[in-house]
Amino acid sequence: MNASAVVALHAGNTLGEGIVWCGREQALYWTDIHAATLWRFRPRDARADQWPMPERLACIALCEADGWLLLGLASRLAFFHPASGTLAPITPVEAGLPTRLNDGACDRQGRFVFGTLHEPPAGGAREPVGSFWRLNADLSLERLDLPGVAISNSVAFSPDGRTLYYCDSPTRTIQCCDYGDRCGPPRTFARLDDPRGEPDGSAVDAAGNLWNAQWGLGRVACYTADGRLDHCIDVPASQPTRPAFGGPDLAMLYVTSARDGLDAATLASQPSAGALFAAPAGTIGLPEPRFAGTPPRVSAHSIDKLAGAPTLASGEAHS
């Protein structure tokens, strides 16, 4: 029988995504992509904070450098220091292409792996022109030898770091490959048979199970390491986007969600769409890998200072 998630925070996100758990702060970070906003939520006191971004924020990674985050903005990578509001650019990505950054996660070696998605003209079809990339600890950027994608998602790593999971969401197939300095040939890990759904973001637990948020199906599916569907956690919103294990013992599953594209009638039937959800996972997660690169020394010419301190979110929190 499937378990069910409940609302942890009525965030009202248009496109909540990219959630990660910071053990140092005992807090969750995630993004509302379309609102260009970084969120932080501390379950222990139900405090929610927000930071406006200079452009859409697609994905986030924690950094080894204390107090810093690595941001995957729509067009570029950057370091961000929430306490000071310092934004330090690293490098543009796919400049000149009709793409933006999308899903990403750090590998077990502390390198950031991420993908892009195609943004066609209004009314156009998405094409597999996006790619997967890796930002190394020395801040060099390399394209991974993987097939092109229309919507990159499901970036996650096995506990030993030797398997990379990823997907092109419209294909409804989660892929995997041997992973190291290079990527091995892709192979099918799991396939969604229901045409209403697409695989979105993923997380891996300590036992090696892959947990995948399934857009359109209102669930997070747990797959064993051999790709067998074991069970699901139901989410009371049809568009869950990414799970993350959190809490002091990493035994709680948190899930972001989206309101994007839902009509008025659907939103009326899904009042929690866009919320942050939580459910006991029944297993233990893994600590979130941190990006090993060092933020550069910043100067007035190399940083953007985001205006103001973090703002308290207006969303209603539930303990």
C-alpha atoms as a PDB file:
ATOM      1  CA  MET A   1       0.000   0.000   0.000  1.00  0.00           C
ATOM      2  CA  ASN A   2       1.239   3.464  -0.846  1.00  0.00           C
ATOM      3  CA  ALA A   3       2.006   5.975   1.896  1.00  0.00           C
ATOM      4  CA  SER A   4       0.885   9.608   1.572  1.00  0.00           C
ATOM      5  CA  ALA A   5       2.733  12.909   1.948  1.00  0.00           C
ATOM      6  CA  VAL A   6       1.307  15.908   3.804  1.00  0.00           C
ATOM      7  CA  VAL A   7       1.930  19.629   3.454  1.00  0.00           C
ATOM      8  CA  ALA A   8       5.017  20.865   5.293  1.00  0.00           C
ATOM      9  CA  LEU A   9       4.791  24.412   3.907  1.00  0.00           C
ATOM     10  CA  HIS A  10       2.132  26.071   1.777  1.00  0.00           C
ATOM     11  CA  ALA A  11       4.786  27.682  -0.411  1.00  0.00           C
ATOM     12  CA  GLY A  12       2.527  28.331  -3.411  1.00  0.00           C
ATOM     13  CA  ASN A  13       5.429  27.745  -5.807  1.00  0.00           C
ATOM     14  CA  THR A  14       4.766  28.099  -9.499  1.00  0.00           C
ATOM     15  CA  LEU A  15       7.556  25.624 -10.261  1.00  0.00           C
ATOM     16  CA  GLY A  16       9.205  24.382  -7.061  1.00  0.00           C
ATOM     17  CA  GLU A  17      12.349  22.369  -7.831  1.00  0.00           C
ATOM     18  CA  GLY A  18      15.927  21.512  -6.942  1.00  0.00           C
ATOM     19  CA  ILE A  19      15.432  20.653  -3.269  1.00  0.00           C
ATOM     20  CA  VAL A  20      18.449  19.732  -1.100  1.00  0.00           C
ATOM     21  CA  TRP A  21      18.869  19.154   2.651  1.00  0.00           C
ATOM     22  CA  CYS A  22      21.691  20.954   4.444  1.00  0.00           C
ATOM     23  CA  GLY A  23      22.743  18.945   7.495  1.00  0.00           C
ATOM     24  CA  ARG A  24      24.867  21.800   8.853  1.00  0.00           C
ATOM     25  CA  GLU A  25      21.891  24.140   9.012  1.00  0.00           C
ATOM     26  CA  GLN A  26      19.209  21.458   9.438  1.00  0.00           C
ATOM     27  CA  ALA A  27      17.360  23.222   6.640  1.00  0.00           C
ATOM     28  CA  LEU A  28      16.009  22.657   3.153  1.00  0.00           C
ATOM     29  CA  TYR A  29      16.936  24.786   0.159  1.00  0.00           C
ATOM     30  CA  TRP A  30      14.977  24.789  -3.098  1.00  0.00           C
ATOM     31  CA  THR A  31      13.925  27.069  -5.922  1.00  0.00           C
ATOM     32  CA  ASP A  32      10.756  28.395  -7.469  1.00  0.00           C
ATOM     33  CA  ILE A  33      12.154  28.508 -10.990  1.00  0.00           C
ATOM     34  CA  HIS A  34       9.620  30.782 -12.654  1.00  0.00           C
ATOM     35  CA  ALA A  35       9.556  33.178  -9.694  1.00  0.00           C
ATOM     36  CA  ALA A  36      13.394  33.379  -9.744  1.00  0.00           C
ATOM     37  CA  THR A  37      13.417  32.809  -5.988  1.00  0.00           C
ATOM     38  CA  LEU A  38      15.598  30.772  -3.623  1.00  0.00           C
ATOM     39  CA  TRP A  39      13.770  29.270  -0.635  1.00  0.00           C
ATOM     40  CA  ARG A  40      15.009  27.969   2.720  1.00  0.00           C
ATOM     41  CA  PHE A  41      12.876  26.139   5.292  1.00  0.00           C
ATOM     42  CA  ARG A  42      13.888  24.966   8.772  1.00  0.00           C
ATOM     43  CA  PRO A  43      11.524  22.233   9.979  1.00  0.00           C
ATOM     44  CA  ARG A  44      12.567  22.624  13.630  1.00  0.00           C
ATOM     45  CA  ASP A  45      11.006  26.095  13.937  1.00  0.00           C
ATOM     46  CA  ALA A  46       8.990  26.222  10.664  1.00  0.00           C
ATOM     47  CA  ARG A  47      10.842  29.343   9.499  1.00  0.00           C
ATOM     48  CA  ALA A  48      10.802  29.974   5.744  1.00  0.00           C
ATOM     49  CA  ASP A  49      13.041  32.544   4.018  1.00  0.00           C
ATOM     50  CA  GLN A  50      13.336  33.712   0.427  1.00  0.00           C
ATOM     51  CA  TRP A  51      15.965  35.417  -1.725  1.00  0.00           C
ATOM     52  CA  PRO A  52      15.155  36.990  -5.111  1.00  0.00           C
ATOM     53  CA  MET A  53      17.495  35.978  -7.918  1.00  0.00           C
ATOM     54  CA  PRO A  54      18.631  38.045 -10.944  1.00  0.00           C
ATOM     55  CA  GLU A  55      17.216  35.386 -13.301  1.00  0.00           C
ATOM     56  CA  ARG A  56      15.442  32.052 -13.075  1.00  0.00           C
ATOM     57  CA  LEU A  57      17.122  29.639 -10.669  1.00  0.00           C
ATOM     58  CA  ALA A  58      17.008  26.037 -11.894  1.00  0.00           C
ATOM     59  CA  CYS A  59      19.074  23.962  -9.453  1.00  0.00           C
ATOM     60  CA  ILE A  60      21.174  24.225  -6.297  1.00  0.00           C
ATOM     61  CA  ALA A  61      24.114  22.449  -4.674  1.00  0.00           C
ATOM     62  CA  LEU A  62      25.623  22.830  -1.228  1.00  0.00           C
ATOM     63  CA  CYS A  63      29.290  23.815  -1.038  1.00  0.00           C
ATOM     64  CA  GLU A  64      32.116  22.579   1.160  1.00  0.00           C
ATOM     65  CA  ALA A  65      32.950  26.234   1.731  1.00  0.00           C
ATOM     66  CA  ASP A  66      30.875  27.165   4.745  1.00  0.00           C
ATOM     67  CA  GLY A  67      27.855  29.365   4.057  1.00  0.00           C
ATOM     68  CA  TRP A  68      28.037  29.138   0.249  1.00  0.00           C
ATOM     69  CA  LEU A  69      25.721  27.576  -2.316  1.00  0.00           C
ATOM     70  CA  LEU A  70      26.337  26.717  -5.955  1.00  0.00           C
ATOM     71  CA  LEU A  71      23.522  28.009  -8.152  1.00  0.00           C
ATOM     72  CA  GLY A  72      22.480  26.766 -11.566  1.00  0.00           C
ATOM     73  CA  LEU A  73      20.807  29.875 -12.942  1.00  0.00           C
ATOM     74  CA  ALA A  74      19.015  29.818 -16.280  1.00  0.00           C
ATOM     75  CA  SER A  75      22.061  30.958 -18.266  1.00  0.00           C
ATOM     76  CA  ARG A  76      25.042  30.499 -15.944  1.00  0.00           C
ATOM     77  CA  LEU A  77      26.612  28.996 -12.867  1.00  0.00           C
ATOM     78  CA  ALA A  78      27.375  31.129  -9.829  1.00  0.00           C
ATOM     79  CA  PHE A  79      28.293  30.956  -6.159  1.00  0.00           C
ATOM     80  CA  PHE A  80      25.864  32.525  -3.694  1.00  0.00           C
ATOM     81  CA  HIS A  81      26.340  33.446  -0.028  1.00  0.00           C
ATOM     82  CA  PRO A  82      22.853  33.802   1.502  1.00  0.00           C
ATOM     83  CA  ALA A  83      23.979  35.559   4.671  1.00  0.00           C
ATOM     84  CA  SER A  84      25.611  38.431   2.773  1.00  0.00           C
ATOM     85  CA  GLY A  85      23.653  38.317  -0.480  1.00  0.00           C
ATOM     86  CA  THR A  86      26.891  37.934  -2.469  1.00  0.00           C
ATOM     87  CA  LEU A  87      26.530  36.414  -5.948  1.00  0.00           C
ATOM     88  CA  ALA A  88      29.838  35.457  -7.605  1.00  0.00           C
ATOM     89  CA  PRO A  89      29.523  34.400 -11.286  1.00  0.00           C
ATOM     90  CA  ILE A  90      31.453  31.335 -12.485  1.00  0.00           C
ATOM     91  CA  THR A  91      30.679  30.712 -16.155  1.00  0.00           C
ATOM     92  CA  PRO A  92      27.886  30.968 -18.729  1.00  0.00           C
ATOM     93  CA  VAL A  93      26.432  27.708 -20.065  1.00  0.00           C
ATOM     94  CA  GLU A  94      25.320  27.063 -23.677  1.00  0.00           C
ATOM     95  CA  ALA A  95      25.441  30.745 -24.553  1.00  0.00           C
ATOM     96  CA  GLY A  96      23.605  31.405 -27.800  1.00  0.00           C
ATOM     97  CA  LEU A  97      21.519  28.224 -27.668  1.00  0.00           C
ATOM     98  CA  PRO A  98      17.731  28.187 -26.996  1.00  0.00           C
ATOM     99  CA  THR A  99      18.260  26.339 -23.711  1.00  0.00           C
ATOM    100  CA  ARG A 100      18.413  26.952 -19.980  1.00  0.00           C
ATOM    101  CA  LEU A 101      19.805  24.971 -17.061  1.00  0.00           C
ATOM    102  CA  ASN A 102      17.489  22.487 -15.381  1.00  0.00           C
ATOM    103  CA  ASP A 103      18.192  19.593 -12.991  1.00  0.00           C
ATOM    104  CA  GLY A 104      21.532  19.010 -11.262  1.00  0.00           C
ATOM    105  CA  ALA A 105      23.287  17.310  -8.339  1.00  0.00           C
ATOM    106  CA  CYS A 106      26.797  16.808  -6.980  1.00  0.00           C
ATOM    107  CA  ASP A 107      28.523  13.480  -7.525  1.00  0.00           C
ATOM    108  CA  ARG A 108      30.269  11.642  -4.674  1.00  0.00           C
ATOM    109  CA  GLN A 109      33.570  13.330  -5.637  1.00  0.00           C
ATOM    110  CA  GLY A 110      32.139  16.814  -5.127  1.00  0.00           C
ATOM    111  CA  ARG A 111      31.670  17.724  -8.796  1.00  0.00           C
ATOM    112  CA  PHE A 112      28.416  19.272  -9.993  1.00  0.00           C
ATOM    113  CA  VAL A 113      26.579  17.407 -12.774  1.00  0.00           C
ATOM    114  CA  PHE A 114      23.650  19.154 -14.417  1.00  0.00           C
ATOM    115  CA  GLY A 115      21.587  19.228 -17.579  1.00  0.00           C
ATOM    116  CA  THR A 116      19.810  21.750 -19.751  1.00  0.00           C
ATOM    117  CA  LEU A 117      16.430  21.880 -21.452  1.00  0.00           C
ATOM    118  CA  HIS A 118      15.210  23.242 -24.766  1.00  0.00           C
ATOM    119  CA  GLU A 119      13.092  26.395 -24.722  1.00  0.00           C
ATOM    120  CA  PRO A 120      11.419  26.480 -28.130  1.00  0.00           C
ATOM    121  CA  PRO A 121       9.549  29.472 -29.537  1.00  0.00           C
ATOM    122  CA  ALA A 122       5.937  29.801 -28.422  1.00  0.00           C
ATOM    123  CA  GLY A 123       3.971  26.869 -29.810  1.00  0.00           C
ATOM    124  CA  GLY A 124       7.094  25.004 -30.882  1.00  0.00           C
ATOM    125  CA  ALA A 125       8.011  21.458 -29.924  1.00  0.00           C
ATOM    126  CA  ARG A 126      10.900  20.683 -27.599  1.00  0.00           C
ATOM    127  CA  GLU A 127      13.860  19.090 -29.323  1.00  0.00           C
ATOM    128  CA  PRO A 128      16.744  17.073 -27.791  1.00  0.00           C
ATOM    129  CA  VAL A 129      19.271  19.907 -28.108  1.00  0.00           C
ATOM    130  CA  GLY A 130      20.136  20.067 -24.398  1.00  0.00           C
ATOM    131  CA  SER A 131      23.181  18.418 -22.842  1.00  0.00           C
ATOM    132  CA  PHE A 132      24.603  17.162 -19.571  1.00  0.00           C
ATOM    133  CA  TRP A 133      27.596  18.973 -18.099  1.00  0.00           C
ATOM    134  CA  ARG A 134      30.009  18.682 -15.170  1.00  0.00           C
ATOM    135  CA  LEU A 135      31.552  21.527 -13.221  1.00  0.00           C
ATOM    136  CA  ASN A 136      34.807  20.288 -11.705  1.00  0.00           C
ATOM    137  CA  ALA A 137      36.387  21.410  -8.454  1.00  0.00           C
ATOM    138  CA  ASP A 138      38.833  23.634 -10.374  1.00  0.00           C
ATOM    139  CA  LEU A 139      35.769  25.361 -11.918  1.00  0.00           C
ATOM    140  CA  SER A 140      36.441  23.908 -15.362  1.00  0.00           C
ATOM    141  CA  LEU A 141      33.305  22.921 -17.274  1.00  0.00           C
ATOM    142  CA  GLU A 142      33.045  19.807 -19.425  1.00  0.00           C
ATOM    143  CA  ARG A 143      30.259  18.315 -21.506  1.00  0.00           C
ATOM    144  CA  LEU A 144      29.468  14.700 -20.647  1.00  0.00           C
ATOM    145  CA  ASP A 145      29.355  12.162 -23.461  1.00  0.00           C
ATOM    146  CA  LEU A 146      25.628  11.459 -23.197  1.00  0.00           C
ATOM    147  CA  PRO A 147      22.835  11.782 -25.771  1.00  0.00           C
ATOM    148  CA  GLY A 148      21.089  15.127 -26.198  1.00  0.00           C
ATOM    149  CA  VAL A 149      17.936  15.812 -24.201  1.00  0.00           C
ATOM    150  CA  ALA A 150      14.839  17.973 -24.498  1.00  0.00           C
ATOM    151  CA  ILE A 151      14.263  18.193 -20.699  1.00  0.00           C
ATOM    152  CA  SER A 152      17.082  16.983 -18.453  1.00  0.00           C
ATOM    153  CA  ASN A 153      16.003  15.518 -15.118  1.00  0.00           C
ATOM    154  CA  SER A 154      16.556  12.778 -12.519  1.00  0.00           C
ATOM    155  CA  VAL A 155      20.274  13.504 -11.981  1.00  0.00           C
ATOM    156  CA  ALA A 156      21.341  11.285  -9.051  1.00  0.00           C
ATOM    157  CA  PHE A 157      24.140   8.916  -8.069  1.00  0.00           C
ATOM    158  CA  SER A 158      24.347   5.454  -6.534  1.00  0.00           C
ATOM    159  CA  PRO A 159      25.765   5.281  -2.976  1.00  0.00           C
ATOM    160  CA  ASP A 160      29.186   4.233  -4.270  1.00  0.00           C
ATOM    161  CA  GLY A 161      29.123   6.958  -6.925  1.00  0.00           C
ATOM    162  CA  ARG A 162      29.742   4.535  -9.773  1.00  0.00           C
ATOM    163  CA  THR A 163      26.288   4.835 -11.384  1.00  0.00           C
ATOM    164  CA  LEU A 164      24.744   8.015 -12.758  1.00  0.00           C
ATOM    165  CA  TYR A 165      20.961   8.210 -13.144  1.00  0.00           C
ATOM    166  CA  TYR A 166      19.365  10.735 -15.482  1.00  0.00           C
ATOM    167  CA  CYS A 167      16.492  11.133 -17.919  1.00  0.00           C
ATOM    168  CA  ASP A 168      15.012  13.055 -20.796  1.00  0.00           C
ATOM    169  CA  SER A 169      11.559  13.541 -19.272  1.00  0.00           C
ATOM    170  CA  PRO A 170       9.434  13.413 -22.461  1.00  0.00           C
ATOM    171  CA  THR A 171      10.761   9.920 -23.218  1.00  0.00           C
ATOM    172  CA  ARG A 172       9.247   8.684 -19.900  1.00  0.00           C
ATOM    173  CA  THR A 173      12.404   6.613 -19.394  1.00  0.00           C
ATOM    174  CA  ILE A 174      15.005   6.852 -16.613  1.00  0.00           C
ATOM    175  CA  GLN A 175      18.473   5.972 -17.863  1.00  0.00           C
ATOM    176  CA  CYS A 176      21.651   5.029 -16.031  1.00  0.00           C
ATOM    177  CA  CYS A 177      25.280   4.537 -16.943  1.00  0.00           C
ATOM    178  CA  ASP A 178      28.595   3.603 -15.401  1.00  0.00           C
ATOM    179  CA  TYR A 179      30.139   6.787 -14.060  1.00  0.00           C
ATOM    180  CA  GLY A 180      33.648   8.014 -13.325  1.00  0.00           C
ATOM    181  CA  ASP A 181      35.875  10.429 -15.165  1.00  0.00           C
ATOM    182  CA  ARG A 182      33.875   9.326 -18.207  1.00  0.00           C
ATOM    183  CA  CYS A 183      30.342   8.018 -18.724  1.00  0.00           C
ATOM    184  CA  GLY A 184      29.677   4.511 -19.962  1.00  0.00           C
ATOM    185  CA  PRO A 185      27.001   3.598 -22.529  1.00  0.00           C
ATOM    186  CA  PRO A 186      23.437   4.482 -21.448  1.00  0.00           C
ATOM    187  CA  ARG A 187      21.087   1.700 -20.426  1.00  0.00           C
ATOM    188  CA  THR A 188      17.406   1.743 -19.479  1.00  0.00           C
ATOM    189  CA  PHE A 189      16.802   1.713 -15.731  1.00  0.00           C
ATOM    190  CA  ALA A 190      13.006   2.180 -15.528  1.00  0.00           C
ATOM    191  CA  ARG A 191      10.169   3.134 -17.826  1.00  0.00           C
ATOM    192  CA  LEU A 192       6.866   4.870 -17.036  1.00  0.00           C
ATOM    193  CA  ASP A 193       4.031   3.118 -18.818  1.00  0.00           C
ATOM    194  CA  ASP A 194       1.353   5.661 -17.885  1.00  0.00           C
ATOM    195  CA  PRO A 195       1.278   8.326 -20.654  1.00  0.00           C
ATOM    196  CA  ARG A 196      -0.029  10.923 -18.184  1.00  0.00           C
ATOM    197  CA  GLY A 197       3.280  11.011 -16.316  1.00  0.00           C
ATOM    198  CA  GLU A 198       6.923  11.914 -16.807  1.00  0.00           C
ATOM    199  CA  PRO A 199       9.946  11.295 -14.562  1.00  0.00           C
ATOM    200  CA  ASP A 200      11.215  14.439 -12.843  1.00  0.00           C
ATOM    201  CA  GLY A 201      13.830  14.827 -10.085  1.00  0.00           C
ATOM    202  CA  SER A 202      15.308  11.933  -8.105  1.00  0.00           C
ATOM    203  CA  ALA A 203      17.138  11.061  -4.891  1.00  0.00           C
ATOM    204  CA  VAL A 204      18.951   7.889  -3.827  1.00  0.00           C
ATOM    205  CA  ASP A 205      18.732   6.359  -0.344  1.00  0.00           C
ATOM    206  CA  ALA A 206      21.419   4.555   1.659  1.00  0.00           C
ATOM    207  CA  ALA A 207      20.224   1.173   0.376  1.00  0.00           C
ATOM    208  CA  GLY A 208      20.647   2.241  -3.245  1.00  0.00           C
ATOM    209  CA  ASN A 209      16.951   2.707  -4.065  1.00  0.00           C
ATOM    210  CA  LEU A 210      16.098   5.494  -6.508  1.00  0.00           C
ATOM    211  CA  TRP A 211      13.172   7.756  -5.516  1.00  0.00           C
ATOM    212  CA  ASN A 212      11.679   9.589  -8.500  1.00  0.00           C
ATOM    213  CA  ALA A 213       9.079  12.368  -8.476  1.00  0.00           C
ATOM    214  CA  GLN A 214       6.609  11.672 -11.265  1.00  0.00           C
ATOM    215  CA  TRP A 215       5.101  14.747 -12.866  1.00  0.00           C
ATOM    216  CA  GLY A 216       1.449  14.255 -13.781  1.00  0.00           C
ATOM    217  CA  LEU A 217       1.007  11.185 -11.576  1.00  0.00           C
ATOM    218  CA  GLY A 218       1.049  12.790  -8.109  1.00  0.00           C
ATOM    219  CA  ARG A 219       3.560  10.392  -6.624  1.00  0.00           C
ATOM    220  CA  VAL A 220       7.162   9.655  -5.744  1.00  0.00           C
ATOM    221  CA  ALA A 221       8.072   6.173  -6.957  1.00  0.00           C
ATOM    222  CA  CYS A 222      10.706   4.078  -5.207  1.00  0.00           C
ATOM    223  CA  TYR A 223      12.724   1.795  -7.502  1.00  0.00           C
ATOM    224  CA  THR A 224      15.119  -0.858  -6.260  1.00  0.00           C
ATOM    225  CA  ALA A 225      18.693  -0.775  -7.548  1.00  0.00           C
ATOM    226  CA  ASP A 226      17.759  -3.214 -10.329  1.00  0.00           C
ATOM    227  CA  GLY A 227      14.978  -0.920 -11.602  1.00  0.00           C
ATOM    228  CA  ARG A 228      11.991  -2.700 -10.074  1.00  0.00           C
ATOM    229  CA  LEU A 229       9.122  -0.481  -8.869  1.00  0.00           C
ATOM    230  CA  ASP A 230       8.838  -1.262  -5.156  1.00  0.00           C
ATOM    231  CA  HIS A 231       6.227   1.192  -3.869  1.00  0.00           C
ATOM    232  CA  CYS A 232       5.086   4.810  -4.127  1.00  0.00           C
ATOM    233  CA  ILE A 233       4.391   7.743  -1.844  1.00  0.00           C
ATOM    234  CA  ASP A 234       1.278   9.598  -2.960  1.00  0.00           C
ATOM    235  CA  VAL A 235       1.460  13.387  -3.137  1.00  0.00           C
ATOM    236  CA  PRO A 236      -1.791  15.435  -2.990  1.00  0.00           C
ATOM    237  CA  ALA A 237      -0.725  17.457  -6.038  1.00  0.00           C
ATOM    238  CA  SER A 238      -0.415  16.096  -9.560  1.00  0.00           C
ATOM    239  CA  GLN A 239       2.960  17.724 -10.300  1.00  0.00           C
ATOM    240  CA  PRO A 240       5.610  16.694  -7.747  1.00  0.00           C
ATOM    241  CA  THR A 241       9.033  17.729  -8.975  1.00  0.00           C
ATOM    242  CA  ARG A 242      11.897  16.488  -6.806  1.00  0.00           C
ATOM    243  CA  PRO A 243      12.389  14.556  -3.540  1.00  0.00           C
ATOM    244  CA  ALA A 244      15.115  14.958  -0.913  1.00  0.00           C
ATOM    245  CA  PHE A 245      15.850  13.085   2.294  1.00  0.00           C
ATOM    246  CA  GLY A 246      16.050  15.343   5.329  1.00  0.00           C
ATOM    247  CA  GLY A 247      15.644  15.650   9.060  1.00  0.00           C
ATOM    248  CA  PRO A 248      18.261  14.916  11.749  1.00  0.00           C
ATOM    249  CA  ASP A 249      18.417  11.220  10.787  1.00  0.00           C
ATOM    250  CA  LEU A 250      17.617  11.660   7.061  1.00  0.00           C
ATOM    251  CA  ALA A 251      14.442   9.603   7.518  1.00  0.00           C
ATOM    252  CA  MET A 252      11.943  12.156   6.182  1.00  0.00           C
ATOM    253  CA  LEU A 253      11.207  12.526   2.485  1.00  0.00           C
ATOM    254  CA  TYR A 254      10.523  16.104   1.377  1.00  0.00           C
ATOM    255  CA  VAL A 255       9.017  16.831  -2.034  1.00  0.00           C
ATOM    256  CA  THR A 256       8.646  20.050  -4.024  1.00  0.00           C
ATOM    257  CA  SER A 257       5.743  20.587  -6.416  1.00  0.00           C
ATOM    258  CA  ALA A 258       4.383  22.911  -9.097  1.00  0.00           C
ATOM    259  CA  ARG A 259       1.244  24.828 -10.048  1.00  0.00           C
ATOM    260  CA  ASP A 260       2.585  25.632 -13.513  1.00  0.00           C
ATOM    261  CA  GLY A 261       0.191  24.844 -16.353  1.00  0.00           C
ATOM    262  CA  LEU A 262      -2.777  23.856 -14.187  1.00  0.00           C
ATOM    263  CA  ASP A 263      -6.096  25.449 -15.090  1.00  0.00           C
ATOM    264  CA  ALA A 264      -8.450  27.059 -12.566  1.00  0.00           C
ATOM    265  CA  ALA A 265     -10.591  23.952 -12.146  1.00  0.00           C
ATOM    266  CA  THR A 266      -7.568  21.742 -11.504  1.00  0.00           C
ATOM    267  CA  LEU A 267      -6.112  24.223  -9.034  1.00  0.00           C
ATOM    268  CA  ALA A 268      -9.438  24.305  -7.197  1.00  0.00           C
ATOM    269  CA  SER A 269      -9.254  20.524  -6.844  1.00  0.00           C
ATOM    270  CA  GLN A 270      -5.574  20.655  -5.828  1.00  0.00           C
ATOM    271  CA  PRO A 271      -5.320  23.487  -3.284  1.00  0.00           C
ATOM    272  CA  SER A 272      -1.900  22.267  -2.142  1.00  0.00           C
ATOM    273  CA  ALA A 273      -0.299  22.373  -5.596  1.00  0.00           C
ATOM    274  CA  GLY A 274       2.995  24.229  -5.315  1.00  0.00           C
ATOM    275  CA  ALA A 275       3.478  23.252  -1.658  1.00  0.00           C
ATOM    276  CA  LEU A 276       6.416  21.581   0.021  1.00  0.00           C
ATOM    277  CA  PHE A 277       5.366  18.086   1.145  1.00  0.00           C
ATOM    278  CA  ALA A 278       6.790  15.634   3.665  1.00  0.00           C
ATOM    279  CA  ALA A 279       6.360  11.951   4.489  1.00  0.00           C
ATOM    280  CA  PRO A 280       8.259   9.404   6.595  1.00  0.00           C
ATOM    281  CA  ALA A 281      10.424   7.588   4.080  1.00  0.00           C
ATOM    282  CA  GLY A 282      10.617   4.245   5.852  1.00  0.00           C
ATOM    283  CA  THR A 283      14.325   4.242   5.009  1.00  0.00           C
ATOM    284  CA  ILE A 284      17.387   6.415   5.516  1.00  0.00           C
ATOM    285  CA  GLY A 285      18.788   8.825   2.976  1.00  0.00           C
ATOM    286  CA  LEU A 286      22.364   9.835   2.250  1.00  0.00           C
ATOM    287  CA  PRO A 287      24.022  13.134   3.209  1.00  0.00           C
ATOM    288  CA  GLU A 288      23.872  15.557   0.278  1.00  0.00           C
ATOM    289  CA  PRO A 289      27.284  15.680  -1.477  1.00  0.00           C
ATOM    290  CA  ARG A 290      28.855  19.137  -1.436  1.00  0.00           C
ATOM    291  CA  PHE A 291      30.588  20.934  -4.273  1.00  0.00           C
ATOM    292  CA  ALA A 292      34.339  20.772  -3.687  1.00  0.00           C
ATOM    293  CA  GLY A 293      35.243  23.944  -5.586  1.00  0.00           C
ATOM    294  CA  THR A 294      36.247  27.067  -3.693  1.00  0.00           C
ATOM    295  CA  PRO A 295      34.352  30.315  -4.215  1.00  0.00           C
ATOM    296  CA  PRO A 296      36.707  32.894  -5.714  1.00  0.00           C
ATOM    297  CA  ARG A 297      37.904  35.908  -3.828  1.00  0.00           C
ATOM    298  CA  VAL A 298      35.313  38.500  -4.653  1.00  0.00           C
ATOM    299  CA  SER A 299      35.698  42.162  -5.382  1.00  0.00           C
ATOM    300  CA  ALA A 300      33.350  44.966  -6.265  1.00  0.00           C
ATOM    301  CA  HIS A 301      33.945  44.166  -9.941  1.00  0.00           C
ATOM    302  CA  SER A 302      33.299  40.411  -9.719  1.00  0.00           C
ATOM    303  CA  ILE A 303      30.142  40.188  -7.626  1.00  0.00           C
ATOM    304  CA  ASP A 304      26.535  41.191  -7.739  1.00  0.00           C
ATOM    305  CA  LYS A 305      25.053  42.194  -4.402  1.00  0.00           C
ATOM    306  CA  LEU A 306      21.448  41.084  -4.193  1.00  0.00           C
ATOM    307  CA  ALA A 307      19.380  43.738  -2.487  1.00  0.00           C
ATOM    308  CA  GLY A 308      18.215  43.259   1.067  1.00  0.00           C
ATOM    309  CA  ALA A 309      18.156  40.515   3.651  1.00  0.00           C
ATOM    310  CA  PRO A 310      16.177  37.308   3.221  1.00  0.00           C
ATOM    311  CA  THR A 311      12.461  37.841   3.476  1.00  0.00           C
ATOM    312  CA  LEU A 312      10.175  35.739   5.620  1.00  0.00           C
ATOM    313  CA  ALA A 313       8.002  33.671   3.336  1.00  0.00           C
ATOM    314  CA  SER A 314       4.281  34.327   3.395  1.00  0.00           C
ATOM    315  CA  GLY A 315       3.461  30.627   2.994  1.00  0.00           C
ATOM    316  CA  GLU A 316       1.852  28.940   5.975  1.00  0.00           C
ATOM    317  CA  ALA A 317       4.061  26.384   7.718  1.00  0.00           C
ATOM    318  CA  HIS A 318       2.846  23.159   9.310  1.00  0.00           C
ATOM    319  CA  SER A 319       5.001  21.244  11.740  1.00  0.00           C
END
